[in-house]
């Protein structure tokens, strides 16, 4: 007789009741369409300003249609890992990937904490292998991992013995994790010992980072001698091999630095992920892969069990990958840089989950390896294809070890148990990590992570959904993973520019959702949802135009908003009030403040006008064939620095990058316009001239760009550099002159 636990589901799917939200969203859409109709049917020709407003508002209306479609059916999943354990089923092995690219921008202690949190998760250690991809080829990163492996032999048993929840040492030893149940003398003594060992680990890594070389390059470090960054052979090292099934033992830890040669394309993070996939394929070949960025640590020690509830409890077709949301630790109060995306994750991504599943976010994701290998959920001829070894080699490369493991994965001949001898697979691993291995294969075009965009994550996820797979959203409590978000202006802008560039590359590339909806198995509404995300960069153009429009109207003495008493006045007034109150309610409903709402509103405009504009410009130049896009690594902070009580924490900073020119220019033209309005320099144009609402709009733009206004008078990194101000002033002067010409025509 079956036990009661074996009959209970491993997960539940809940559809949110959002009828009121739907009604408000439809009301906003009705008002937007009414405004557009009003502009079209206006009995008077209002000229350039009226036309530009109509075009911008048409764009905003289209984007709102995409929002309504995406958020219409929001879904959540609740998982029950204790039921999975009660079933005594064979848990699937997992290969865990961590990627890092630069030991300066991404300090090794960040990677160390991420790795330690992975090694200590609540999952059978003999079913886990952690692979670290170091695209910087840094001996410091390898040295740090070797030392971390020694500490892991103390840390992992300690966490499991006492049921520690925070498994990233830097967070656990911050002092916020102690509770009344941790009062036993034995625990206190052991904790003090472990903390001392961790502080020693941090110190030796810090000392090593100050030296030209972290240690003498002999023995296991010999491979790092005489190598140059961007020009070195593949390096694969087994730092720690798990040789027993003890629950407190440490999983495998393997270091990889793929081969790099000058003038050879490396395809950014996508290339690194494909190397990780191949190397793991010839060493451990687990059927499930988890990938994390180097600044993201495991916050919920049972997350792999939560994910397995979905991967093992769902029909395989309905769960090609499991995505967990990106959440952040040490975030500044009220999210002054608008980069924590709590509302986006809470509503938009749950809306994705109600269609074909959440999009792949580049981290915090569990993939089925067979899906990454390019399989389709309804491929009935897979076994016949696997018999053709030459065909497999043309797709996956010439390595016999890899093609054998691919065939096993796709045909489910085995579950991916670890090889008896990891060191015996090193030579095959070096081969598949070579920079020329992919030549003549389908890596990056049909299998693995997709090439051609700096947003390799979104592009890969679109291709997976385009083959008919679905995905699931795993949101356990506490959150599965926590990462660090940029905490200054330049880093935030670099991150947004990279996103907007990559997303537009996907939109205009061969893997566009428009193409996969027509020719693939991407559902229509899923295609619309992806379109909303991919169009983020192009949003910069209507945002810039609409922000400059009030200034143009004041200087040219015309108007683009209906006057008081005009029927269109009520439409615009209701639209402004309902939209803002509705977006504010979304923040309040999930426990955020009014200030957080305002910070996110202004930062979304700043990011669109500046980073989005340069992202769109970069893709435009690429499409014209004049330049290529570049993957820019975002500066990461050392653990703990985000929590410092600093009087200037959250204050926007600037540098000499041209990325700040658009925002500064828009601010200056609106300041000039307000000066014109206050001083009364306007010709007598009667009712056709600008009105109160153009002035109000111009003031709103200045308020949204308040950080730039402070930057005009700031000093050091808090001030806008003089060259940026001069260039912006030149552009603003040109704008004013053109606006005056418009007023005289």
Foldseek 3Di string as FASTA:
>chain_A
DDDPLVPDAQKDKDKDDDPVVLVLLVVLLVLLVVLLVCLVPPPDDQPDLQVLVSVLSVVVSLLSVLQSLLQVIFMAMDGDLVSVVVVVDDDFAEEEEEEDEDCFLQPLLLLLLQQQLVQQFQDFQLSYAYEYEYQQLALLNVVLNLLSVVLSLLLNLLCVVVVQQARRVLVCPPPPRDDPVCPDPVSVVSVVVSNVSVVVSVVLSVVLVVDPHSDPCDDLNVLSPPADNQAHAKDKDFSDDDQDRPRSDTHTYMYIHFHGHPPFDCQPVQNSQQLVLQLCLLFQLTQKYAYAYSQKHFNGSCVVSRQCSDCVSDDVQLAQKEAEDEAAPLADALNLLQPRCPLCVVRSQSSLCRPQHGAFQPHRMMGRSLLLQQDFPPPPCLLVVLVPLVVLCLAQFDQPSNSVSNSCSNVVVDRRRGDNDNVVSVVVSSQSSYSCRCVSHCRQPRHGQHGQFLSSRRLSRLVSVLSSGGHHYRQDPPGGMHGHDDFAAVLSLLVLLRQLLRLLRCCPDPSQLVNSCVPGNRPPSSNSSSVSSSCLLVSQVSLLCVLLSLLLQLLLFFENADDPVDPSNVSVVVSVVSVLVSLQVSQVVVPGDPSSSLSNVLSSSLSRNQSSPVSVVQNVCVVVVNDHDDNDDRRDDDPPPSNDDDPCGSQYFADQDLSNLRLLLSLVSLVVSLVCVVVVPDDPPDPRGYDPVSNVSSVVSCVSSVQQVQQCVDDDRSHHDPVSNVVSVVVNVVSSVVSNVVSVD
